[in-house]
Amino acid sequence: MWTMAAGRVRSQVSRGFLNRREFGSEIFVSRLSFYTTEEEFRKAFAPFGTIEEARLIRDARTQRPKGYGFVLYASEAEAQKAIKAMDGRVIGGRLIFVEAAKPKSE
């Protein structure tokens, strides 16, 4: 069953509602250099589509990057293209891993 909620299309899943857009168009990037900047991170993933959000996860106390982040693309196809192109590449001297982001558990 499909419903409209807050202007977004959602699909009903047995455990509740999951936002299809967040599930399909967000990627998880791990093993980033701790010296990667937000700008470098966004620039590395920009060639694959329209980025709605790119964020590095930071330590709450030191505000230094933890070495992983998320990129939200406008479409699932763009996210898949980025995964195929970037997984296993070397950025900033480090081999990175890229995969589809898993939805947050309830």
PDB file of N, CA and C in Angstrom:
ATOM      1  N   MET A   1       0.834  -1.163   0.000  1.00  0.00           N
ATOM      2  CA  MET A   1       0.000   0.000   0.000  1.00  0.00           C
ATOM      3  C   MET A   1       0.889   1.240   0.000  1.00  0.00           C
ATOM      4  N   TRP A   2       0.559   2.215  -0.839  1.00  0.00           N
ATOM      5  CA  TRP A   2       1.309   3.461  -0.930  1.00  0.00           C
ATOM      6  C   TRP A   2       0.482   4.587  -0.331  1.00  0.00           C
ATOM      7  N   THR A   3       1.116   5.455   0.408  1.00  0.00           N
ATOM      8  CA  THR A   3       0.437   6.618   0.968  1.00  0.00           C
ATOM      9  C   THR A   3       1.307   7.847   0.798  1.00  0.00           C
ATOM     10  N   MET A   4       0.687   9.010   0.854  1.00  0.00           N
ATOM     11  CA  MET A   4       1.432  10.268   0.824  1.00  0.00           C
ATOM     12  C   MET A   4       1.513  10.775   2.249  1.00  0.00           C
ATOM     13  N   ALA A   5       2.696  11.079   2.715  1.00  0.00           N
ATOM     14  CA  ALA A   5       2.868  11.611   4.063  1.00  0.00           C
ATOM     15  C   ALA A   5       3.933  12.699   4.007  1.00  0.00           C
ATOM     16  N   ALA A   6       3.577  13.879   4.444  1.00  0.00           N
ATOM     17  CA  ALA A   6       4.501  15.023   4.467  1.00  0.00           C
ATOM     18  C   ALA A   6       5.138  15.262   3.099  1.00  0.00           C
ATOM     19  N   GLY A   7       4.352  15.075   2.016  1.00  0.00           N
ATOM     20  CA  GLY A   7       4.849  15.351   0.682  1.00  0.00           C
ATOM     21  C   GLY A   7       5.782  14.297   0.112  1.00  0.00           C
ATOM     22  N   ARG A   8       5.951  13.189   0.773  1.00  0.00           N
ATOM     23  CA  ARG A   8       6.835  12.121   0.286  1.00  0.00           C
ATOM     24  C   ARG A   8       6.034  10.842   0.102  1.00  0.00           C
ATOM     25  N   VAL A   9       6.433  10.074  -0.888  1.00  0.00           N
ATOM     26  CA  VAL A   9       5.779   8.790  -1.116  1.00  0.00           C
ATOM     27  C   VAL A   9       6.349   7.786  -0.127  1.00  0.00           C
ATOM     28  N   ARG A  10       5.486   7.057   0.542  1.00  0.00           N
ATOM     29  CA  ARG A  10       5.930   6.044   1.502  1.00  0.00           C
ATOM     30  C   ARG A  10       5.246   4.716   1.184  1.00  0.00           C
ATOM     31  N   SER A  11       5.923   3.649   1.498  1.00  0.00           N
ATOM     32  CA  SER A  11       5.329   2.328   1.329  1.00  0.00           C
ATOM     33  C   SER A  11       5.151   1.700   2.700  1.00  0.00           C
ATOM     34  N   GLN A  12       4.074   0.981   2.870  1.00  0.00           N
ATOM     35  CA  GLN A  12       3.816   0.351   4.157  1.00  0.00           C
ATOM     36  C   GLN A  12       4.545  -0.989   4.208  1.00  0.00           C
ATOM     37  N   VAL A  13       5.257  -1.205   5.289  1.00  0.00           N
ATOM     38  CA  VAL A  13       6.004  -2.432   5.504  1.00  0.00           C
ATOM     39  C   VAL A  13       5.454  -3.056   6.778  1.00  0.00           C
ATOM     40  N   SER A  14       5.595  -4.356   6.925  1.00  0.00           N
ATOM     41  CA  SER A  14       4.982  -5.045   8.058  1.00  0.00           C
ATOM     42  C   SER A  14       5.327  -4.430   9.415  1.00  0.00           C
ATOM     43  N   ARG A  15       6.514  -3.859   9.579  1.00  0.00           N
ATOM     44  CA  ARG A  15       6.892  -3.268  10.861  1.00  0.00           C
ATOM     45  C   ARG A  15       6.521  -1.788  10.970  1.00  0.00           C
ATOM     46  N   GLY A  16       5.914  -1.241   9.976  1.00  0.00           N
ATOM     47  CA  GLY A  16       5.558   0.178  10.011  1.00  0.00           C
ATOM     48  C   GLY A  16       5.898   0.825   8.688  1.00  0.00           C
ATOM     49  N   PHE A  17       6.165   2.091   8.739  1.00  0.00           N
ATOM     50  CA  PHE A  17       6.459   2.831   7.523  1.00  0.00           C
ATOM     51  C   PHE A  17       7.958   3.034   7.377  1.00  0.00           C
ATOM     52  N   LEU A  18       8.454   2.824   6.176  1.00  0.00           N
ATOM     53  CA  LEU A  18       9.840   3.142   5.832  1.00  0.00           C
ATOM     54  C   LEU A  18       9.793   4.128   4.670  1.00  0.00           C
ATOM     55  N   ASN A  19      10.575   5.153   4.726  1.00  0.00           N
ATOM     56  CA  ASN A  19      10.625   6.126   3.651  1.00  0.00           C
ATOM     57  C   ASN A  19      11.425   5.530   2.500  1.00  0.00           C
ATOM     58  N   ARG A  20      10.787   5.308   1.366  1.00  0.00           N
ATOM     59  CA  ARG A  20      11.457   4.701   0.217  1.00  0.00           C
ATOM     60  C   ARG A  20      12.636   5.529  -0.257  1.00  0.00           C
ATOM     61  N   ARG A  21      12.507   6.826  -0.252  1.00  0.00           N
ATOM     62  CA  ARG A  21      13.567   7.692  -0.734  1.00  0.00           C
ATOM     63  C   ARG A  21      14.835   7.525   0.106  1.00  0.00           C
ATOM     64  N   GLU A  22      14.719   7.543   1.414  1.00  0.00           N
ATOM     65  CA  GLU A  22      15.891   7.389   2.269  1.00  0.00           C
ATOM     66  C   GLU A  22      16.498   5.999   2.135  1.00  0.00           C
ATOM     67  N   PHE A  23      15.669   5.012   1.975  1.00  0.00           N
ATOM     68  CA  PHE A  23      16.151   3.642   1.875  1.00  0.00           C
ATOM     69  C   PHE A  23      16.918   3.422   0.575  1.00  0.00           C
ATOM     70  N   GLY A  24      16.417   3.939  -0.539  1.00  0.00           N
ATOM     71  CA  GLY A  24      16.997   3.629  -1.830  1.00  0.00           C
ATOM     72  C   GLY A  24      18.042   4.582  -2.350  1.00  0.00           C
ATOM     73  N   SER A  25      18.066   5.833  -1.882  1.00  0.00           N
ATOM     74  CA  SER A  25      18.962   6.800  -2.497  1.00  0.00           C
ATOM     75  C   SER A  25      20.064   7.302  -1.556  1.00  0.00           C
ATOM     76  N   GLU A  26      20.196   6.685  -0.396  1.00  0.00           N
ATOM     77  CA  GLU A  26      21.258   7.083   0.527  1.00  0.00           C
ATOM     78  C   GLU A  26      22.330   6.004   0.555  1.00  0.00           C
ATOM     79  N   ILE A  27      23.589   6.447   0.510  1.00  0.00           N
ATOM     80  CA  ILE A  27      24.696   5.496   0.550  1.00  0.00           C
ATOM     81  C   ILE A  27      25.543   5.741   1.791  1.00  0.00           C
ATOM     82  N   PHE A  28      26.217   4.689   2.216  1.00  0.00           N
ATOM     83  CA  PHE A  28      27.104   4.710   3.379  1.00  0.00           C
ATOM     84  C   PHE A  28      28.527   4.559   2.872  1.00  0.00           C
ATOM     85  N   VAL A  29      29.417   5.440   3.303  1.00  0.00           N
ATOM     86  CA  VAL A  29      30.818   5.425   2.875  1.00  0.00           C
ATOM     87  C   VAL A  29      31.690   5.228   4.108  1.00  0.00           C
ATOM     88  N   SER A  30      32.512   4.182   4.099  1.00  0.00           N
ATOM     89  CA  SER A  30      33.361   3.900   5.263  1.00  0.00           C
ATOM     90  C   SER A  30      34.836   3.875   4.877  1.00  0.00           C
ATOM     91  N   ARG A  31      35.676   3.908   5.912  1.00  0.00           N
ATOM     92  CA  ARG A  31      37.135   3.888   5.795  1.00  0.00           C
ATOM     93  C   ARG A  31      37.691   5.158   5.179  1.00  0.00           C
ATOM     94  N   LEU A  32      37.009   6.285   5.379  1.00  0.00           N
ATOM     95  CA  LEU A  32      37.511   7.571   4.901  1.00  0.00           C
ATOM     96  C   LEU A  32      38.675   8.026   5.780  1.00  0.00           C
ATOM     97  N   SER A  33      39.555   8.818   5.201  1.00  0.00           N
ATOM     98  CA  SER A  33      40.629   9.420   5.984  1.00  0.00           C
ATOM     99  C   SER A  33      40.010  10.341   7.035  1.00  0.00           C
ATOM    100  N   PHE A  34      40.626  10.392   8.193  1.00  0.00           N
ATOM    101  CA  PHE A  34      40.144  11.270   9.255  1.00  0.00           C
ATOM    102  C   PHE A  34      40.372  12.741   8.908  1.00  0.00           C
ATOM    103  N   TYR A  35      41.114  13.000   7.852  1.00  0.00           N
ATOM    104  CA  TYR A  35      41.400  14.367   7.428  1.00  0.00           C
ATOM    105  C   TYR A  35      40.519  14.808   6.259  1.00  0.00           C
ATOM    106  N   THR A  36      39.585  13.974   5.844  1.00  0.00           N
ATOM    107  CA  THR A  36      38.667  14.318   4.765  1.00  0.00           C
ATOM    108  C   THR A  36      37.773  15.477   5.198  1.00  0.00           C
ATOM    109  N   THR A  37      37.641  16.480   4.334  1.00  0.00           N
ATOM    110  CA  THR A  37      36.762  17.607   4.640  1.00  0.00           C
ATOM    111  C   THR A  37      35.385  17.378   4.022  1.00  0.00           C
ATOM    112  N   GLU A  38      34.400  18.137   4.494  1.00  0.00           N
ATOM    113  CA  GLU A  38      33.040  18.043   3.944  1.00  0.00           C
ATOM    114  C   GLU A  38      33.063  18.355   2.446  1.00  0.00           C
ATOM    115  N   GLU A  39      33.841  19.367   2.062  1.00  0.00           N
ATOM    116  CA  GLU A  39      33.916  19.766   0.655  1.00  0.00           C
ATOM    117  C   GLU A  39      34.525  18.665  -0.209  1.00  0.00           C
ATOM    118  N   GLU A  40      35.617  18.055   0.251  1.00  0.00           N
ATOM    119  CA  GLU A  40      36.250  16.959  -0.497  1.00  0.00           C
ATOM    120  C   GLU A  40      35.300  15.775  -0.631  1.00  0.00           C
ATOM    121  N   PHE A  41      34.582  15.488   0.444  1.00  0.00           N
ATOM    122  CA  PHE A  41      33.640  14.372   0.460  1.00  0.00           C
ATOM    123  C   PHE A  41      32.543  14.596  -0.581  1.00  0.00           C
ATOM    124  N   ARG A  42      31.942  15.774  -0.560  1.00  0.00           N
ATOM    125  CA  ARG A  42      30.878  16.099  -1.517  1.00  0.00           C
ATOM    126  C   ARG A  42      31.395  16.087  -2.944  1.00  0.00           C
ATOM    127  N   LYS A  43      32.563  16.674  -3.150  1.00  0.00           N
ATOM    128  CA  LYS A  43      33.143  16.767  -4.493  1.00  0.00           C
ATOM    129  C   LYS A  43      33.439  15.378  -5.076  1.00  0.00           C
ATOM    130  N   ALA A  44      33.864  14.439  -4.246  1.00  0.00           N
ATOM    131  CA  ALA A  44      34.187  13.085  -4.721  1.00  0.00           C
ATOM    132  C   ALA A  44      32.946  12.357  -5.235  1.00  0.00           C
ATOM    133  N   PHE A  45      31.775  12.661  -4.666  1.00  0.00           N
ATOM    134  CA  PHE A  45      30.560  11.947  -5.040  1.00  0.00           C
ATOM    135  C   PHE A  45      29.636  12.745  -5.958  1.00  0.00           C
ATOM    136  N   ALA A  46      29.968  14.002  -6.237  1.00  0.00           N
ATOM    137  CA  ALA A  46      29.139  14.863  -7.079  1.00  0.00           C
ATOM    138  C   ALA A  46      28.989  14.390  -8.535  1.00  0.00           C
ATOM    139  N   PRO A  47      29.993  13.769  -9.151  1.00  0.00           N
ATOM    140  CA  PRO A  47      29.845  13.390 -10.561  1.00  0.00           C
ATOM    141  C   PRO A  47      28.749  12.357 -10.843  1.00  0.00           C
ATOM    142  N   PHE A  48      28.202  11.741  -9.826  1.00  0.00           N
ATOM    143  CA  PHE A  48      27.262  10.642 -10.054  1.00  0.00           C
ATOM    144  C   PHE A  48      25.798  11.055  -9.962  1.00  0.00           C
ATOM    145  N   GLY A  49      25.529  12.302  -9.621  1.00  0.00           N
ATOM    146  CA  GLY A  49      24.150  12.759  -9.576  1.00  0.00           C
ATOM    147  C   GLY A  49      23.967  13.955  -8.662  1.00  0.00           C
ATOM    148  N   THR A  50      22.709  14.307  -8.482  1.00  0.00           N
ATOM    149  CA  THR A  50      22.350  15.441  -7.640  1.00  0.00           C
ATOM    150  C   THR A  50      22.388  15.022  -6.174  1.00  0.00           C
ATOM    151  N   ILE A  51      23.276  15.657  -5.426  1.00  0.00           N
ATOM    152  CA  ILE A  51      23.417  15.338  -4.002  1.00  0.00           C
ATOM    153  C   ILE A  51      22.478  16.240  -3.209  1.00  0.00           C
ATOM    154  N   GLU A  52      21.593  15.628  -2.452  1.00  0.00           N
ATOM    155  CA  GLU A  52      20.692  16.386  -1.590  1.00  0.00           C
ATOM    156  C   GLU A  52      21.354  16.673  -0.246  1.00  0.00           C
ATOM    157  N   GLU A  53      22.194  15.735   0.217  1.00  0.00           N
ATOM    158  CA  GLU A  53      22.896  15.919   1.480  1.00  0.00           C
ATOM    159  C   GLU A  53      24.131  15.031   1.501  1.00  0.00           C
ATOM    160  N   ALA A  54      25.235  15.575   1.984  1.00  0.00           N
ATOM    161  CA  ALA A  54      26.461  14.805   2.204  1.00  0.00           C
ATOM    162  C   ALA A  54      26.937  15.168   3.596  1.00  0.00           C
ATOM    163  N   ARG A  55      27.105  14.167   4.449  1.00  0.00           N
ATOM    164  CA  ARG A  55      27.522  14.473   5.812  1.00  0.00           C
ATOM    165  C   ARG A  55      28.548  13.467   6.319  1.00  0.00           C
ATOM    166  N   LEU A  56      29.580  14.016   6.931  1.00  0.00           N
ATOM    167  CA  LEU A  56      30.576  13.203   7.607  1.00  0.00           C
ATOM    168  C   LEU A  56      30.133  13.080   9.059  1.00  0.00           C
ATOM    169  N   ILE A  57      30.274  11.914   9.615  1.00  0.00           N
ATOM    170  CA  ILE A  57      29.922  11.704  11.016  1.00  0.00           C
ATOM    171  C   ILE A  57      31.120  12.115  11.860  1.00  0.00           C
ATOM    172  N   ARG A  58      30.854  12.935  12.862  1.00  0.00           N
ATOM    173  CA  ARG A  58      31.923  13.488  13.700  1.00  0.00           C
ATOM    174  C   ARG A  58      31.794  13.025  15.140  1.00  0.00           C
ATOM    175  N   ASP A  59      32.940  12.959  15.807  1.00  0.00           N
ATOM    176  CA  ASP A  59      32.966  12.656  17.229  1.00  0.00           C
ATOM    177  C   ASP A  59      32.328  13.834  17.966  1.00  0.00           C
ATOM    178  N   ALA A  60      31.416  13.551  18.877  1.00  0.00           N
ATOM    179  CA  ALA A  60      30.693  14.601  19.586  1.00  0.00           C
ATOM    180  C   ALA A  60      31.609  15.472  20.440  1.00  0.00           C
ATOM    181  N   ARG A  61      32.637  14.892  20.990  1.00  0.00           N
ATOM    182  CA  ARG A  61      33.519  15.634  21.889  1.00  0.00           C
ATOM    183  C   ARG A  61      34.574  16.445  21.133  1.00  0.00           C
ATOM    184  N   THR A  62      35.258  15.813  20.175  1.00  0.00           N
ATOM    185  CA  THR A  62      36.375  16.469  19.489  1.00  0.00           C
ATOM    186  C   THR A  62      35.980  17.142  18.177  1.00  0.00           C
ATOM    187  N   GLN A  63      34.816  16.776  17.634  1.00  0.00           N
ATOM    188  CA  GLN A  63      34.329  17.275  16.341  1.00  0.00           C
ATOM    189  C   GLN A  63      35.215  16.847  15.168  1.00  0.00           C
ATOM    190  N   ARG A  64      36.067  15.854  15.375  1.00  0.00           N
ATOM    191  CA  ARG A  64      36.864  15.300  14.281  1.00  0.00           C
ATOM    192  C   ARG A  64      36.045  14.234  13.571  1.00  0.00           C
ATOM    193  N   PRO A  65      36.204  14.114  12.239  1.00  0.00           N
ATOM    194  CA  PRO A  65      35.485  13.068  11.513  1.00  0.00           C
ATOM    195  C   PRO A  65      35.842  11.677  12.031  1.00  0.00           C
ATOM    196  N   LYS A  66      34.853  10.784  12.062  1.00  0.00           N
ATOM    197  CA  LYS A  66      35.076   9.419  12.541  1.00  0.00           C
ATOM    198  C   LYS A  66      35.542   8.472  11.440  1.00  0.00           C
ATOM    199  N   GLY A  67      35.563   8.932  10.196  1.00  0.00           N
ATOM    200  CA  GLY A  67      36.035   8.086   9.104  1.00  0.00           C
ATOM    201  C   GLY A  67      34.915   7.455   8.290  1.00  0.00           C
ATOM    202  N   TYR A  68      33.691   7.937   8.485  1.00  0.00           N
ATOM    203  CA  TYR A  68      32.596   7.455   7.650  1.00  0.00           C
ATOM    204  C   TYR A  68      31.547   8.552   7.487  1.00  0.00           C
ATOM    205  N   GLY A  69      30.687   8.366   6.486  1.00  0.00           N
ATOM    206  CA  GLY A  69      29.668   9.373   6.224  1.00  0.00           C
ATOM    207  C   GLY A  69      28.561   8.820   5.346  1.00  0.00           C
ATOM    208  N   PHE A  70      27.619   9.691   5.038  1.00  0.00           N
ATOM    209  CA  PHE A  70      26.458   9.340   4.234  1.00  0.00           C
ATOM    210  C   PHE A  70      26.266  10.363   3.130  1.00  0.00           C
ATOM    211  N   VAL A  71      25.796   9.885   1.964  1.00  0.00           N
ATOM    212  CA  VAL A  71      25.454  10.763   0.856  1.00  0.00           C
ATOM    213  C   VAL A  71      24.035  10.409   0.438  1.00  0.00           C
ATOM    214  N   LEU A  72      23.181  11.430   0.349  1.00  0.00           N
ATOM    215  CA  LEU A  72      21.796  11.246  -0.074  1.00  0.00           C
ATOM    216  C   LEU A  72      21.655  11.827  -1.470  1.00  0.00           C
ATOM    217  N   TYR A  73      21.309  10.972  -2.427  1.00  0.00           N
ATOM    218  CA  TYR A  73      21.113  11.396  -3.808  1.00  0.00           C
ATOM    219  C   TYR A  73      19.634  11.639  -4.082  1.00  0.00           C
ATOM    220  N   ALA A  74      19.358  12.336  -5.165  1.00  0.00           N
ATOM    221  CA  ALA A  74      17.981  12.641  -5.553  1.00  0.00           C
ATOM    222  C   ALA A  74      17.236  11.390  -6.031  1.00  0.00           C
ATOM    223  N   SER A  75      17.976  10.392  -6.522  1.00  0.00           N
ATOM    224  CA  SER A  75      17.306   9.175  -7.013  1.00  0.00           C
ATOM    225  C   SER A  75      18.112   7.928  -6.648  1.00  0.00           C
ATOM    226  N   GLU A  76      17.423   6.814  -6.660  1.00  0.00           N
ATOM    227  CA  GLU A  76      18.061   5.528  -6.377  1.00  0.00           C
ATOM    228  C   GLU A  76      19.067   5.171  -7.468  1.00  0.00           C
ATOM    229  N   ALA A  77      18.765   5.519  -8.711  1.00  0.00           N
ATOM    230  CA  ALA A  77      19.667   5.212  -9.825  1.00  0.00           C
ATOM    231  C   ALA A  77      21.007   5.929  -9.657  1.00  0.00           C
ATOM    232  N   GLU A  78      20.973   7.171  -9.198  1.00  0.00           N
ATOM    233  CA  GLU A  78      22.210   7.914  -8.972  1.00  0.00           C
ATOM    234  C   GLU A  78      23.017   7.275  -7.847  1.00  0.00           C
ATOM    235  N   ALA A  79      22.342   6.843  -6.805  1.00  0.00           N
ATOM    236  CA  ALA A  79      23.019   6.187  -5.681  1.00  0.00           C
ATOM    237  C   ALA A  79      23.686   4.893  -6.143  1.00  0.00           C
ATOM    238  N   GLN A  80      22.987   4.109  -6.938  1.00  0.00           N
ATOM    239  CA  GLN A  80      23.551   2.850  -7.442  1.00  0.00           C
ATOM    240  C   GLN A  80      24.769   3.109  -8.323  1.00  0.00           C
ATOM    241  N   LYS A  81      24.700   4.170  -9.131  1.00  0.00           N
ATOM    242  CA  LYS A  81      25.835   4.526  -9.989  1.00  0.00           C
ATOM    243  C   LYS A  81      27.054   4.886  -9.135  1.00  0.00           C
ATOM    244  N   ALA A  82      26.842   5.642  -8.064  1.00  0.00           N
ATOM    245  CA  ALA A  82      27.938   6.035  -7.168  1.00  0.00           C
ATOM    246  C   ALA A  82      28.536   4.815  -6.464  1.00  0.00           C
ATOM    247  N   ILE A  83      27.688   3.898  -6.029  1.00  0.00           N
ATOM    248  CA  ILE A  83      28.169   2.685  -5.360  1.00  0.00           C
ATOM    249  C   ILE A  83      29.076   1.898  -6.292  1.00  0.00           C
ATOM    250  N   LYS A  84      28.623   1.686  -7.522  1.00  0.00           N
ATOM    251  CA  LYS A  84      29.403   0.905  -8.489  1.00  0.00           C
ATOM    252  C   LYS A  84      30.728   1.580  -8.826  1.00  0.00           C
ATOM    253  N   ALA A  85      30.717   2.895  -8.941  1.00  0.00           N
ATOM    254  CA  ALA A  85      31.914   3.617  -9.350  1.00  0.00           C
ATOM    255  C   ALA A  85      32.918   3.829  -8.211  1.00  0.00           C
ATOM    256  N   MET A  86      32.431   4.013  -6.990  1.00  0.00           N
ATOM    257  CA  MET A  86      33.311   4.426  -5.894  1.00  0.00           C
ATOM    258  C   MET A  86      33.740   3.313  -4.945  1.00  0.00           C
ATOM    259  N   ASP A  87      32.996   2.216  -4.874  1.00  0.00           N
ATOM    260  CA  ASP A  87      33.361   1.137  -3.953  1.00  0.00           C
ATOM    261  C   ASP A  87      34.717   0.553  -4.336  1.00  0.00           C
ATOM    262  N   GLY A  88      35.635   0.541  -3.393  1.00  0.00           N
ATOM    263  CA  GLY A  88      36.956  -0.019  -3.640  1.00  0.00           C
ATOM    264  C   GLY A  88      37.957   0.966  -4.228  1.00  0.00           C
ATOM    265  N   ARG A  89      37.600   2.229  -4.326  1.00  0.00           N
ATOM    266  CA  ARG A  89      38.532   3.244  -4.833  1.00  0.00           C
ATOM    267  C   ARG A  89      39.389   3.779  -3.698  1.00  0.00           C
ATOM    268  N   VAL A  90      40.505   4.353  -4.078  1.00  0.00           N
ATOM    269  CA  VAL A  90      41.391   4.971  -3.098  1.00  0.00           C
ATOM    270  C   VAL A  90      41.153   6.478  -3.128  1.00  0.00           C
ATOM    271  N   ILE A  91      40.813   7.018  -1.965  1.00  0.00           N
ATOM    272  CA  ILE A  91      40.609   8.461  -1.826  1.00  0.00           C
ATOM    273  C   ILE A  91      41.397   8.924  -0.612  1.00  0.00           C
ATOM    274  N   GLY A  92      42.208   9.945  -0.804  1.00  0.00           N
ATOM    275  CA  GLY A  92      43.021  10.453   0.298  1.00  0.00           C
ATOM    276  C   GLY A  92      43.977   9.419   0.843  1.00  0.00           C
ATOM    277  N   GLY A  93      44.439   8.520  -0.028  1.00  0.00           N
ATOM    278  CA  GLY A  93      45.380   7.493   0.383  1.00  0.00           C
ATOM    279  C   GLY A  93      44.753   6.297   1.091  1.00  0.00           C
ATOM    280  N   ARG A  94      43.417   6.248   1.116  1.00  0.00           N
ATOM    281  CA  ARG A  94      42.734   5.134   1.797  1.00  0.00           C
ATOM    282  C   ARG A  94      41.744   4.451   0.868  1.00  0.00           C
ATOM    283  N   LEU A  95      41.675   3.145   0.963  1.00  0.00           N
ATOM    284  CA  LEU A  95      40.702   2.355   0.230  1.00  0.00           C
ATOM    285  C   LEU A  95      39.360   2.515   0.922  1.00  0.00           C
ATOM    286  N   ILE A  96      38.342   2.992   0.190  1.00  0.00           N
ATOM    287  CA  ILE A  96      37.036   3.209   0.808  1.00  0.00           C
ATOM    288  C   ILE A  96      36.040   2.127   0.379  1.00  0.00           C
ATOM    289  N   PHE A  97      35.023   1.955   1.188  1.00  0.00           N
ATOM    290  CA  PHE A  97      33.937   1.041   0.876  1.00  0.00           C
ATOM    291  C   PHE A  97      32.651   1.838   0.798  1.00  0.00           C
ATOM    292  N   VAL A  98      31.834   1.534  -0.205  1.00  0.00           N
ATOM    293  CA  VAL A  98      30.583   2.252  -0.418  1.00  0.00           C
ATOM    294  C   VAL A  98      29.474   1.230  -0.598  1.00  0.00           C
ATOM    295  N   GLU A  99      28.368   1.416   0.113  1.00  0.00           N
ATOM    296  CA  GLU A  99      27.228   0.508   0.012  1.00  0.00           C
ATOM    297  C   GLU A  99      25.941   1.275   0.272  1.00  0.00           C
ATOM    298  N   ALA A 100      24.821   0.649  -0.039  1.00  0.00           N
ATOM    299  CA  ALA A 100      23.529   1.267   0.241  1.00  0.00           C
ATOM    300  C   ALA A 100      23.375   1.394   1.757  1.00  0.00           C
ATOM    301  N   ALA A 101      22.895   2.551   2.194  1.00  0.00           N
ATOM    302  CA  ALA A 101      22.690   2.764   3.630  1.00  0.00           C
ATOM    303  C   ALA A 101      21.489   1.951   4.087  1.00  0.00           C
ATOM    304  N   LYS A 102      21.620   1.385   5.258  1.00  0.00           N
ATOM    305  CA  LYS A 102      20.520   0.625   5.834  1.00  0.00           C
ATOM    306  C   LYS A 102      19.611   1.591   6.581  1.00  0.00           C
ATOM    307  N   PRO A 103      18.312   1.351   6.565  1.00  0.00           N
ATOM    308  CA  PRO A 103      17.407   2.260   7.298  1.00  0.00           C
ATOM    309  C   PRO A 103      17.642   2.174   8.791  1.00  0.00           C
ATOM    310  N   LYS A 104      17.400   3.286   9.480  1.00  0.00           N
ATOM    311  CA  LYS A 104      17.536   3.287  10.930  1.00  0.00           C
ATOM    312  C   LYS A 104      16.507   2.344  11.525  1.00  0.00           C
ATOM    313  N   SER A 105      16.911   1.592  12.541  1.00  0.00           N
ATOM    314  CA  SER A 105      15.959   0.707  13.204  1.00  0.00           C
ATOM    315  C   SER A 105      15.056   1.537  14.108  1.00  0.00           C
ATOM    316  N   GLU A 106      13.841   1.070  14.275  1.00  0.00           N
ATOM    317  CA  GLU A 106      12.863   1.813  15.074  1.00  0.00           C
ATOM    318  C   GLU A 106      13.143   1.744  16.535  1.00  0.00           C
TER     319      GLU A 106
END
